[in-house]
Amino acid sequence: IWVDESVAVGCDAYLELLPQLPSSVQ
């Protein structure tokens, strides 16, 4: 699965927010 750069930047931002994502995701 290849992720283009702009979407990858959004993924990195989500990783910084991991403690505030749903418990199932954590």
mmCIF file of all heavy atoms, coordinates in Angstrom:
data_MODEL
# 
_entry.id   MODEL 
# 
loop_
_atom_site.group_PDB 
_atom_site.id 
_atom_site.type_symbol 
_atom_site.label_atom_id 
_atom_site.label_alt_id 
_atom_site.label_comp_id 
_atom_site.label_asym_id 
_atom_site.label_entity_id 
_atom_site.label_seq_id 
_atom_site.pdbx_PDB_ins_code 
_atom_site.Cartn_x 
_atom_site.Cartn_y 
_atom_site.Cartn_z 
_atom_site.occupancy 
_atom_site.B_iso_or_equiv 
_atom_site.pdbx_formal_charge 
_atom_site.auth_seq_id 
_atom_site.auth_comp_id 
_atom_site.auth_asym_id 
_atom_site.auth_atom_id 
_atom_site.pdbx_PDB_model_num 
ATOM 1   N N   . ILE A 1 1  ? 0.876   -1.175 0.000  1.00 0.00 ? 1  ILE A N   1 
ATOM 2   C CA  . ILE A 1 1  ? 0.000   0.000  0.000  1.00 0.00 ? 1  ILE A CA  1 
ATOM 3   C C   . ILE A 1 1  ? 0.912   1.223  0.000  1.00 0.00 ? 1  ILE A C   1 
ATOM 4   O O   . ILE A 1 1  ? 1.667   1.452  0.951  1.00 0.00 ? 1  ILE A O   1 
ATOM 5   C CB  . ILE A 1 1  ? -0.926  0.016  1.230  1.00 0.00 ? 1  ILE A CB  1 
ATOM 6   C CG1 . ILE A 1 1  ? -1.797  -1.244 1.270  1.00 0.00 ? 1  ILE A CG1 1 
ATOM 7   C CG2 . ILE A 1 1  ? -1.797  1.266  1.231  1.00 0.00 ? 1  ILE A CG2 1 
ATOM 8   C CD1 . ILE A 1 1  ? -2.630  -1.368 2.528  1.00 0.00 ? 1  ILE A CD1 1 
ATOM 9   N N   . TRP A 1 2  ? 0.839   2.006  -1.063 1.00 0.00 ? 2  TRP A N   1 
ATOM 10  C CA  . TRP A 1 2  ? 1.682   3.190  -1.206 1.00 0.00 ? 2  TRP A CA  1 
ATOM 11  C C   . TRP A 1 2  ? 0.875   4.435  -0.851 1.00 0.00 ? 2  TRP A C   1 
ATOM 12  O O   . TRP A 1 2  ? -0.260  4.603  -1.308 1.00 0.00 ? 2  TRP A O   1 
ATOM 13  C CB  . TRP A 1 2  ? 2.210   3.302  -2.629 1.00 0.00 ? 2  TRP A CB  1 
ATOM 14  C CG  . TRP A 1 2  ? 3.137   2.189  -3.033 1.00 0.00 ? 2  TRP A CG  1 
ATOM 15  C CD1 . TRP A 1 2  ? 2.807   1.030  -3.664 1.00 0.00 ? 2  TRP A CD1 1 
ATOM 16  C CD2 . TRP A 1 2  ? 4.542   2.138  -2.810 1.00 0.00 ? 2  TRP A CD2 1 
ATOM 17  N NE1 . TRP A 1 2  ? 3.917   0.255  -3.857 1.00 0.00 ? 2  TRP A NE1 1 
ATOM 18  C CE2 . TRP A 1 2  ? 5.006   0.908  -3.345 1.00 0.00 ? 2  TRP A CE2 1 
ATOM 19  C CE3 . TRP A 1 2  ? 5.458   3.003  -2.218 1.00 0.00 ? 2  TRP A CE3 1 
ATOM 20  C CZ2 . TRP A 1 2  ? 6.352   0.538  -3.311 1.00 0.00 ? 2  TRP A CZ2 1 
ATOM 21  C CZ3 . TRP A 1 2  ? 6.799   2.631  -2.176 1.00 0.00 ? 2  TRP A CZ3 1 
ATOM 22  C CH2 . TRP A 1 2  ? 7.231   1.412  -2.713 1.00 0.00 ? 2  TRP A CH2 1 
ATOM 23  N N   . VAL A 1 3  ? 1.467   5.314  -0.039 1.00 0.00 ? 3  VAL A N   1 
ATOM 24  C CA  . VAL A 1 3  ? 0.779   6.512  0.432  1.00 0.00 ? 3  VAL A CA  1 
ATOM 25  C C   . VAL A 1 3  ? 1.528   7.736  -0.066 1.00 0.00 ? 3  VAL A C   1 
ATOM 26  O O   . VAL A 1 3  ? 2.702   7.940  0.253  1.00 0.00 ? 3  VAL A O   1 
ATOM 27  C CB  . VAL A 1 3  ? 0.680   6.533  1.970  1.00 0.00 ? 3  VAL A CB  1 
ATOM 28  C CG1 . VAL A 1 3  ? -0.115  7.753  2.437  1.00 0.00 ? 3  VAL A CG1 1 
ATOM 29  C CG2 . VAL A 1 3  ? 0.035   5.252  2.479  1.00 0.00 ? 3  VAL A CG2 1 
ATOM 30  N N   . ASP A 1 4  ? 0.837   8.567  -0.858 1.00 0.00 ? 4  ASP A N   1 
ATOM 31  C CA  . ASP A 1 4  ? 1.444   9.766  -1.413 1.00 0.00 ? 4  ASP A CA  1 
ATOM 32  C C   . ASP A 1 4  ? 1.746   10.779 -0.306 1.00 0.00 ? 4  ASP A C   1 
ATOM 33  O O   . ASP A 1 4  ? 1.171   10.735 0.780  1.00 0.00 ? 4  ASP A O   1 
ATOM 34  C CB  . ASP A 1 4  ? 0.509   10.382 -2.456 1.00 0.00 ? 4  ASP A CB  1 
ATOM 35  C CG  . ASP A 1 4  ? 1.278   10.985 -3.619 1.00 0.00 ? 4  ASP A CG  1 
ATOM 36  O OD1 . ASP A 1 4  ? 2.509   10.954 -3.594 1.00 0.00 ? 4  ASP A OD1 1 
ATOM 37  O OD2 . ASP A 1 4  ? 0.629   11.490 -4.561 1.00 0.00 ? 4  ASP A OD2 1 
ATOM 38  N N   . GLU A 1 5  ? 2.609   11.738 -0.605 1.00 0.00 ? 5  GLU A N   1 
ATOM 39  C CA  . GLU A 1 5  ? 3.200   12.593 0.418  1.00 0.00 ? 5  GLU A CA  1 
ATOM 40  C C   . GLU A 1 5  ? 2.174   13.387 1.220  1.00 0.00 ? 5  GLU A C   1 
ATOM 41  O O   . GLU A 1 5  ? 2.237   13.431 2.448  1.00 0.00 ? 5  GLU A O   1 
ATOM 42  C CB  . GLU A 1 5  ? 4.201   13.553 -0.221 1.00 0.00 ? 5  GLU A CB  1 
ATOM 43  C CG  . GLU A 1 5  ? 4.925   14.455 0.774  1.00 0.00 ? 5  GLU A CG  1 
ATOM 44  C CD  . GLU A 1 5  ? 5.685   13.687 1.850  1.00 0.00 ? 5  GLU A CD  1 
ATOM 45  O OE1 . GLU A 1 5  ? 6.148   12.559 1.560  1.00 0.00 ? 5  GLU A OE1 1 
ATOM 46  O OE2 . GLU A 1 5  ? 5.797   14.195 2.979  1.00 0.00 ? 5  GLU A OE2 1 
ATOM 47  N N   . SER A 1 6  ? 1.223   14.045 0.568  1.00 0.00 ? 6  SER A N   1 
ATOM 48  C CA  . SER A 1 6  ? 0.275   14.893 1.300  1.00 0.00 ? 6  SER A CA  1 
ATOM 49  C C   . SER A 1 6  ? -0.573  14.071 2.262  1.00 0.00 ? 6  SER A C   1 
ATOM 50  O O   . SER A 1 6  ? -0.868  14.520 3.379  1.00 0.00 ? 6  SER A O   1 
ATOM 51  C CB  . SER A 1 6  ? -0.614  15.659 0.312  1.00 0.00 ? 6  SER A CB  1 
ATOM 52  O OG  . SER A 1 6  ? -1.282  14.762 -0.555 1.00 0.00 ? 6  SER A OG  1 
ATOM 53  N N   . VAL A 1 7  ? -0.977  12.866 1.848  1.00 0.00 ? 7  VAL A N   1 
ATOM 54  C CA  . VAL A 1 7  ? -1.734  11.989 2.743  1.00 0.00 ? 7  VAL A CA  1 
ATOM 55  C C   . VAL A 1 7  ? -0.835  11.488 3.868  1.00 0.00 ? 7  VAL A C   1 
ATOM 56  O O   . VAL A 1 7  ? -1.271  11.358 5.020  1.00 0.00 ? 7  VAL A O   1 
ATOM 57  C CB  . VAL A 1 7  ? -2.346  10.806 1.965  1.00 0.00 ? 7  VAL A CB  1 
ATOM 58  C CG1 . VAL A 1 7  ? -3.156  9.906  2.898  1.00 0.00 ? 7  VAL A CG1 1 
ATOM 59  C CG2 . VAL A 1 7  ? -3.230  11.309 0.826  1.00 0.00 ? 7  VAL A CG2 1 
ATOM 60  N N   . ALA A 1 8  ? 0.436   11.219 3.557  1.00 0.00 ? 8  ALA A N   1 
ATOM 61  C CA  . ALA A 1 8  ? 1.381   10.748 4.570  1.00 0.00 ? 8  ALA A CA  1 
ATOM 62  C C   . ALA A 1 8  ? 1.592   11.795 5.660  1.00 0.00 ? 8  ALA A C   1 
ATOM 63  O O   . ALA A 1 8  ? 1.716   11.452 6.842  1.00 0.00 ? 8  ALA A O   1 
ATOM 64  C CB  . ALA A 1 8  ? 2.713   10.393 3.912  1.00 0.00 ? 8  ALA A CB  1 
ATOM 65  N N   . VAL A 1 9  ? 1.627   13.072 5.288  1.00 0.00 ? 9  VAL A N   1 
ATOM 66  C CA  . VAL A 1 9  ? 1.765   14.135 6.283  1.00 0.00 ? 9  VAL A CA  1 
ATOM 67  C C   . VAL A 1 9  ? 0.573   14.121 7.237  1.00 0.00 ? 9  VAL A C   1 
ATOM 68  O O   . VAL A 1 9  ? 0.721   14.291 8.447  1.00 0.00 ? 9  VAL A O   1 
ATOM 69  C CB  . VAL A 1 9  ? 1.897   15.508 5.586  1.00 0.00 ? 9  VAL A CB  1 
ATOM 70  C CG1 . VAL A 1 9  ? 1.817   16.640 6.598  1.00 0.00 ? 9  VAL A CG1 1 
ATOM 71  C CG2 . VAL A 1 9  ? 3.210   15.588 4.815  1.00 0.00 ? 9  VAL A CG2 1 
ATOM 72  N N   . GLY A 1 10 ? -0.627  13.905 6.700  1.00 0.00 ? 10 GLY A N   1 
ATOM 73  C CA  . GLY A 1 10 ? -1.798  13.790 7.554  1.00 0.00 ? 10 GLY A CA  1 
ATOM 74  C C   . GLY A 1 10 ? -1.707  12.597 8.482  1.00 0.00 ? 10 GLY A C   1 
ATOM 75  O O   . GLY A 1 10 ? -2.113  12.670 9.648  1.00 0.00 ? 10 GLY A O   1 
ATOM 76  N N   . CYS A 1 11 ? -1.159  11.483 7.993  1.00 0.00 ? 11 CYS A N   1 
ATOM 77  C CA  . CYS A 1 11 ? -0.973  10.295 8.843  1.00 0.00 ? 11 CYS A CA  1 
ATOM 78  C C   . CYS A 1 11 ? -0.026  10.600 9.998  1.00 0.00 ? 11 CYS A C   1 
ATOM 79  O O   . CYS A 1 11 ? -0.268  10.187 11.146 1.00 0.00 ? 11 CYS A O   1 
ATOM 80  C CB  . CYS A 1 11 ? -0.435  9.137  8.009  1.00 0.00 ? 11 CYS A CB  1 
ATOM 81  S SG  . CYS A 1 11 ? -1.592  8.490  6.785  1.00 0.00 ? 11 CYS A SG  1 
ATOM 82  N N   . ASP A 1 12 ? 1.051   11.299 9.708  1.00 0.00 ? 12 ASP A N   1 
ATOM 83  C CA  . ASP A 1 12 ? 2.005   11.659 10.767 1.00 0.00 ? 12 ASP A CA  1 
ATOM 84  C C   . ASP A 1 12 ? 1.339   12.537 11.827 1.00 0.00 ? 12 ASP A C   1 
ATOM 85  O O   . ASP A 1 12 ? 1.617   12.403 13.027 1.00 0.00 ? 12 ASP A O   1 
ATOM 86  C CB  . ASP A 1 12 ? 3.201   12.390 10.165 1.00 0.00 ? 12 ASP A CB  1 
ATOM 87  C CG  . ASP A 1 12 ? 4.055   11.491 9.281  1.00 0.00 ? 12 ASP A CG  1 
ATOM 88  O OD1 . ASP A 1 12 ? 3.974   10.254 9.441  1.00 0.00 ? 12 ASP A OD1 1 
ATOM 89  O OD2 . ASP A 1 12 ? 4.786   12.018 8.414  1.00 0.00 ? 12 ASP A OD2 1 
ATOM 90  N N   . ALA A 1 13 ? 0.452   13.446 11.374 1.00 0.00 ? 13 ALA A N   1 
ATOM 91  C CA  . ALA A 1 13 ? -0.264  14.299 12.326 1.00 0.00 ? 13 ALA A CA  1 
ATOM 92  C C   . ALA A 1 13 ? -1.173  13.460 13.221 1.00 0.00 ? 13 ALA A C   1 
ATOM 93  O O   . ALA A 1 13 ? -1.294  13.723 14.422 1.00 0.00 ? 13 ALA A O   1 
ATOM 94  C CB  . ALA A 1 13 ? -1.067  15.353 11.573 1.00 0.00 ? 13 ALA A CB  1 
ATOM 95  N N   . TYR A 1 14 ? -1.816  12.444 12.656 1.00 0.00 ? 14 TYR A N   1 
ATOM 96  C CA  . TYR A 1 14 ? -2.667  11.560 13.452 1.00 0.00 ? 14 TYR A CA  1 
ATOM 97  C C   . TYR A 1 14 ? -1.838  10.827 14.514 1.00 0.00 ? 14 TYR A C   1 
ATOM 98  O O   . TYR A 1 14 ? -2.315  10.608 15.632 1.00 0.00 ? 14 TYR A O   1 
ATOM 99  C CB  . TYR A 1 14 ? -3.362  10.535 12.553 1.00 0.00 ? 14 TYR A CB  1 
ATOM 100 C CG  . TYR A 1 14 ? -4.687  10.973 11.993 1.00 0.00 ? 14 TYR A CG  1 
ATOM 101 C CD1 . TYR A 1 14 ? -4.820  12.174 11.317 1.00 0.00 ? 14 TYR A CD1 1 
ATOM 102 C CD2 . TYR A 1 14 ? -5.824  10.175 12.124 1.00 0.00 ? 14 TYR A CD2 1 
ATOM 103 C CE1 . TYR A 1 14 ? -6.045  12.574 10.781 1.00 0.00 ? 14 TYR A CE1 1 
ATOM 104 C CE2 . TYR A 1 14 ? -7.046  10.560 11.599 1.00 0.00 ? 14 TYR A CE2 1 
ATOM 105 C CZ  . TYR A 1 14 ? -7.151  11.759 10.925 1.00 0.00 ? 14 TYR A CZ  1 
ATOM 106 O OH  . TYR A 1 14 ? -8.364  12.151 10.414 1.00 0.00 ? 14 TYR A OH  1 
ATOM 107 N N   . LEU A 1 15 ? -0.630  10.411 14.160 1.00 0.00 ? 15 LEU A N   1 
ATOM 108 C CA  . LEU A 1 15 ? 0.209   9.690  15.118 1.00 0.00 ? 15 LEU A CA  1 
ATOM 109 C C   . LEU A 1 15 ? 0.523   10.555 16.333 1.00 0.00 ? 15 LEU A C   1 
ATOM 110 O O   . LEU A 1 15 ? 0.616   10.054 17.458 1.00 0.00 ? 15 LEU A O   1 
ATOM 111 C CB  . LEU A 1 15 ? 1.501   9.230  14.434 1.00 0.00 ? 15 LEU A CB  1 
ATOM 112 C CG  . LEU A 1 15 ? 1.332   8.158  13.354 1.00 0.00 ? 15 LEU A CG  1 
ATOM 113 C CD1 . LEU A 1 15 ? 2.671   7.846  12.696 1.00 0.00 ? 15 LEU A CD1 1 
ATOM 114 C CD2 . LEU A 1 15 ? 0.724   6.890  13.935 1.00 0.00 ? 15 LEU A CD2 1 
ATOM 115 N N   . GLU A 1 16 ? 0.684   11.863 16.121 1.00 0.00 ? 16 GLU A N   1 
ATOM 116 C CA  . GLU A 1 16 ? 0.940   12.755 17.245 1.00 0.00 ? 16 GLU A CA  1 
ATOM 117 C C   . GLU A 1 16 ? -0.290  12.915 18.128 1.00 0.00 ? 16 GLU A C   1 
ATOM 118 O O   . GLU A 1 16 ? -0.183  13.298 19.294 1.00 0.00 ? 16 GLU A O   1 
ATOM 119 C CB  . GLU A 1 16 ? 1.395   14.119 16.717 1.00 0.00 ? 16 GLU A CB  1 
ATOM 120 C CG  . GLU A 1 16 ? 2.725   14.084 15.965 1.00 0.00 ? 16 GLU A CG  1 
ATOM 121 C CD  . GLU A 1 16 ? 3.127   15.450 15.439 1.00 0.00 ? 16 GLU A CD  1 
ATOM 122 O OE1 . GLU A 1 16 ? 2.436   16.435 15.784 1.00 0.00 ? 16 GLU A OE1 1 
ATOM 123 O OE2 . GLU A 1 16 ? 4.112   15.537 14.687 1.00 0.00 ? 16 GLU A OE2 1 
ATOM 124 N N   . LEU A 1 17 ? -1.447  12.603 17.573 1.00 0.00 ? 17 LEU A N   1 
ATOM 125 C CA  . LEU A 1 17 ? -2.698  12.740 18.319 1.00 0.00 ? 17 LEU A CA  1 
ATOM 126 C C   . LEU A 1 17 ? -3.179  11.415 18.890 1.00 0.00 ? 17 LEU A C   1 
ATOM 127 O O   . LEU A 1 17 ? -4.308  11.339 19.397 1.00 0.00 ? 17 LEU A O   1 
ATOM 128 C CB  . LEU A 1 17 ? -3.793  13.300 17.398 1.00 0.00 ? 17 LEU A CB  1 
ATOM 129 C CG  . LEU A 1 17 ? -3.509  14.633 16.712 1.00 0.00 ? 17 LEU A CG  1 
ATOM 130 C CD1 . LEU A 1 17 ? -4.602  14.937 15.699 1.00 0.00 ? 17 LEU A CD1 1 
ATOM 131 C CD2 . LEU A 1 17 ? -3.415  15.745 17.744 1.00 0.00 ? 17 LEU A CD2 1 
ATOM 132 N N   . LEU A 1 18 ? -2.383  10.380 18.819 1.00 0.00 ? 18 LEU A N   1 
ATOM 133 C CA  . LEU A 1 18 ? -2.815  9.034  19.191 1.00 0.00 ? 18 LEU A CA  1 
ATOM 134 C C   . LEU A 1 18 ? -3.489  8.969  20.560 1.00 0.00 ? 18 LEU A C   1 
ATOM 135 O O   . LEU A 1 18 ? -4.523  8.298  20.707 1.00 0.00 ? 18 LEU A O   1 
ATOM 136 C CB  . LEU A 1 18 ? -1.632  8.071  19.136 1.00 0.00 ? 18 LEU A CB  1 
ATOM 137 C CG  . LEU A 1 18 ? -1.957  6.586  19.396 1.00 0.00 ? 18 LEU A CG  1 
ATOM 138 C CD1 . LEU A 1 18 ? -2.977  6.075  18.380 1.00 0.00 ? 18 LEU A CD1 1 
ATOM 139 C CD2 . LEU A 1 18 ? -0.686  5.744  19.343 1.00 0.00 ? 18 LEU A CD2 1 
ATOM 140 N N   . PRO A 1 19 ? -2.976  9.640  21.604 1.00 0.00 ? 19 PRO A N   1 
ATOM 141 C CA  . PRO A 1 19 ? -3.641  9.549  22.912 1.00 0.00 ? 19 PRO A CA  1 
ATOM 142 C C   . PRO A 1 19 ? -5.074  10.092 22.907 1.00 0.00 ? 19 PRO A C   1 
ATOM 143 O O   . PRO A 1 19 ? -5.840  9.799  23.826 1.00 0.00 ? 19 PRO A O   1 
ATOM 144 C CB  . PRO A 1 19 ? -2.741  10.397 23.826 1.00 0.00 ? 19 PRO A CB  1 
ATOM 145 C CG  . PRO A 1 19 ? -1.407  10.390 23.148 1.00 0.00 ? 19 PRO A CG  1 
ATOM 146 C CD  . PRO A 1 19 ? -1.710  10.394 21.684 1.00 0.00 ? 19 PRO A CD  1 
ATOM 147 N N   . GLN A 1 20 ? -5.449  10.857 21.888 1.00 0.00 ? 20 GLN A N   1 
ATOM 148 C CA  . GLN A 1 20 ? -6.785  11.430 21.845 1.00 0.00 ? 20 GLN A CA  1 
ATOM 149 C C   . GLN A 1 20 ? -7.689  10.739 20.822 1.00 0.00 ? 20 GLN A C   1 
ATOM 150 O O   . GLN A 1 20 ? -8.819  11.173 20.610 1.00 0.00 ? 20 GLN A O   1 
ATOM 151 C CB  . GLN A 1 20 ? -6.692  12.932 21.543 1.00 0.00 ? 20 GLN A CB  1 
ATOM 152 C CG  . GLN A 1 20 ? -5.853  13.678 22.569 1.00 0.00 ? 20 GLN A CG  1 
ATOM 153 C CD  . GLN A 1 20 ? -5.928  15.171 22.403 1.00 0.00 ? 20 GLN A CD  1 
ATOM 154 O OE1 . GLN A 1 20 ? -6.991  15.761 22.507 1.00 0.00 ? 20 GLN A OE1 1 
ATOM 155 N NE2 . GLN A 1 20 ? -4.792  15.795 22.151 1.00 0.00 ? 20 GLN A NE2 1 
ATOM 156 N N   . LEU A 1 21 ? -7.185  9.676  20.212 1.00 0.00 ? 21 LEU A N   1 
ATOM 157 C CA  . LEU A 1 21 ? -8.006  8.886  19.306 1.00 0.00 ? 21 LEU A CA  1 
ATOM 158 C C   . LEU A 1 21 ? -8.764  7.824  20.111 1.00 0.00 ? 21 LEU A C   1 
ATOM 159 O O   . LEU A 1 21 ? -8.440  7.565  21.273 1.00 0.00 ? 21 LEU A O   1 
ATOM 160 C CB  . LEU A 1 21 ? -7.121  8.233  18.234 1.00 0.00 ? 21 LEU A CB  1 
ATOM 161 C CG  . LEU A 1 21 ? -6.395  9.197  17.287 1.00 0.00 ? 21 LEU A CG  1 
ATOM 162 C CD1 . LEU A 1 21 ? -5.572  8.423  16.260 1.00 0.00 ? 21 LEU A CD1 1 
ATOM 163 C CD2 . LEU A 1 21 ? -7.363  10.136 16.589 1.00 0.00 ? 21 LEU A CD2 1 
ATOM 164 N N   . PRO A 1 22 ? -9.783  7.201  19.548 1.00 0.00 ? 22 PRO A N   1 
ATOM 165 C CA  . PRO A 1 22 ? -10.578 6.208  20.293 1.00 0.00 ? 22 PRO A CA  1 
ATOM 166 C C   . PRO A 1 22 ? -9.719  5.097  20.885 1.00 0.00 ? 22 PRO A C   1 
ATOM 167 O O   . PRO A 1 22 ? -8.650  4.758  20.352 1.00 0.00 ? 22 PRO A O   1 
ATOM 168 C CB  . PRO A 1 22 ? -11.545 5.671  19.229 1.00 0.00 ? 22 PRO A CB  1 
ATOM 169 C CG  . PRO A 1 22 ? -11.680 6.780  18.244 1.00 0.00 ? 22 PRO A CG  1 
ATOM 170 C CD  . PRO A 1 22 ? -10.333 7.439  18.194 1.00 0.00 ? 22 PRO A CD  1 
ATOM 171 N N   . SER A 1 23 ? -10.191 4.507  21.965 1.00 0.00 ? 23 SER A N   1 
ATOM 172 C CA  . SER A 1 23 ? -9.425  3.467  22.660 1.00 0.00 ? 23 SER A CA  1 
ATOM 173 C C   . SER A 1 23 ? -9.160  2.269  21.757 1.00 0.00 ? 23 SER A C   1 
ATOM 174 O O   . SER A 1 23 ? -8.115  1.618  21.869 1.00 0.00 ? 23 SER A O   1 
ATOM 175 C CB  . SER A 1 23 ? -10.171 3.020  23.921 1.00 0.00 ? 23 SER A CB  1 
ATOM 176 O OG  . SER A 1 23 ? -11.475 2.560  23.600 1.00 0.00 ? 23 SER A OG  1 
ATOM 177 N N   . SER A 1 24 ? -10.100 1.948  20.852 1.00 0.00 ? 24 SER A N   1 
ATOM 178 C CA  . SER A 1 24 ? -9.883  0.829  19.947 1.00 0.00 ? 24 SER A CA  1 
ATOM 179 C C   . SER A 1 24 ? -8.686  1.083  19.037 1.00 0.00 ? 24 SER A C   1 
ATOM 180 O O   . SER A 1 24 ? -7.930  0.156  18.712 1.00 0.00 ? 24 SER A O   1 
ATOM 181 C CB  . SER A 1 24 ? -11.145 0.593  19.099 1.00 0.00 ? 24 SER A CB  1 
ATOM 182 O OG  . SER A 1 24 ? -11.465 1.757  18.340 1.00 0.00 ? 24 SER A OG  1 
ATOM 183 N N   . VAL A 1 25 ? -8.500  2.329  18.626 1.00 0.00 ? 25 VAL A N   1 
ATOM 184 C CA  . VAL A 1 25 ? -7.351  2.682  17.786 1.00 0.00 ? 25 VAL A CA  1 
ATOM 185 C C   . VAL A 1 25 ? -6.066  2.604  18.606 1.00 0.00 ? 25 VAL A C   1 
ATOM 186 O O   . VAL A 1 25 ? -5.028  2.110  18.127 1.00 0.00 ? 25 VAL A O   1 
ATOM 187 C CB  . VAL A 1 25 ? -7.537  4.089  17.193 1.00 0.00 ? 25 VAL A CB  1 
ATOM 188 C CG1 . VAL A 1 25 ? -6.338  4.473  16.331 1.00 0.00 ? 25 VAL A CG1 1 
ATOM 189 C CG2 . VAL A 1 25 ? -8.817  4.164  16.375 1.00 0.00 ? 25 VAL A CG2 1 
ATOM 190 N N   . GLN A 1 26 ? -6.112  3.066  19.837 1.00 0.00 ? 26 GLN A N   1 
ATOM 191 C CA  . GLN A 1 26 ? -4.928  2.999  20.697 1.00 0.00 ? 26 GLN A CA  1 
ATOM 192 C C   . GLN A 1 26 ? -4.539  1.542  20.961 1.00 0.00 ? 26 GLN A C   1 
ATOM 193 O O   . GLN A 1 26 ? -3.345  1.211  21.001 1.00 0.00 ? 26 GLN A O   1 
ATOM 194 C CB  . GLN A 1 26 ? -5.208  3.732  22.002 1.00 0.00 ? 26 GLN A CB  1 
ATOM 195 C CG  . GLN A 1 26 ? -5.469  5.227  21.827 1.00 0.00 ? 26 GLN A CG  1 
ATOM 196 C CD  . GLN A 1 26 ? -5.694  5.940  23.146 1.00 0.00 ? 26 GLN A CD  1 
ATOM 197 O OE1 . GLN A 1 26 ? -5.005  5.683  24.142 1.00 0.00 ? 26 GLN A OE1 1 
ATOM 198 N NE2 . GLN A 1 26 ? -6.684  6.822  23.188 1.00 0.00 ? 26 GLN A NE2 1 
# 
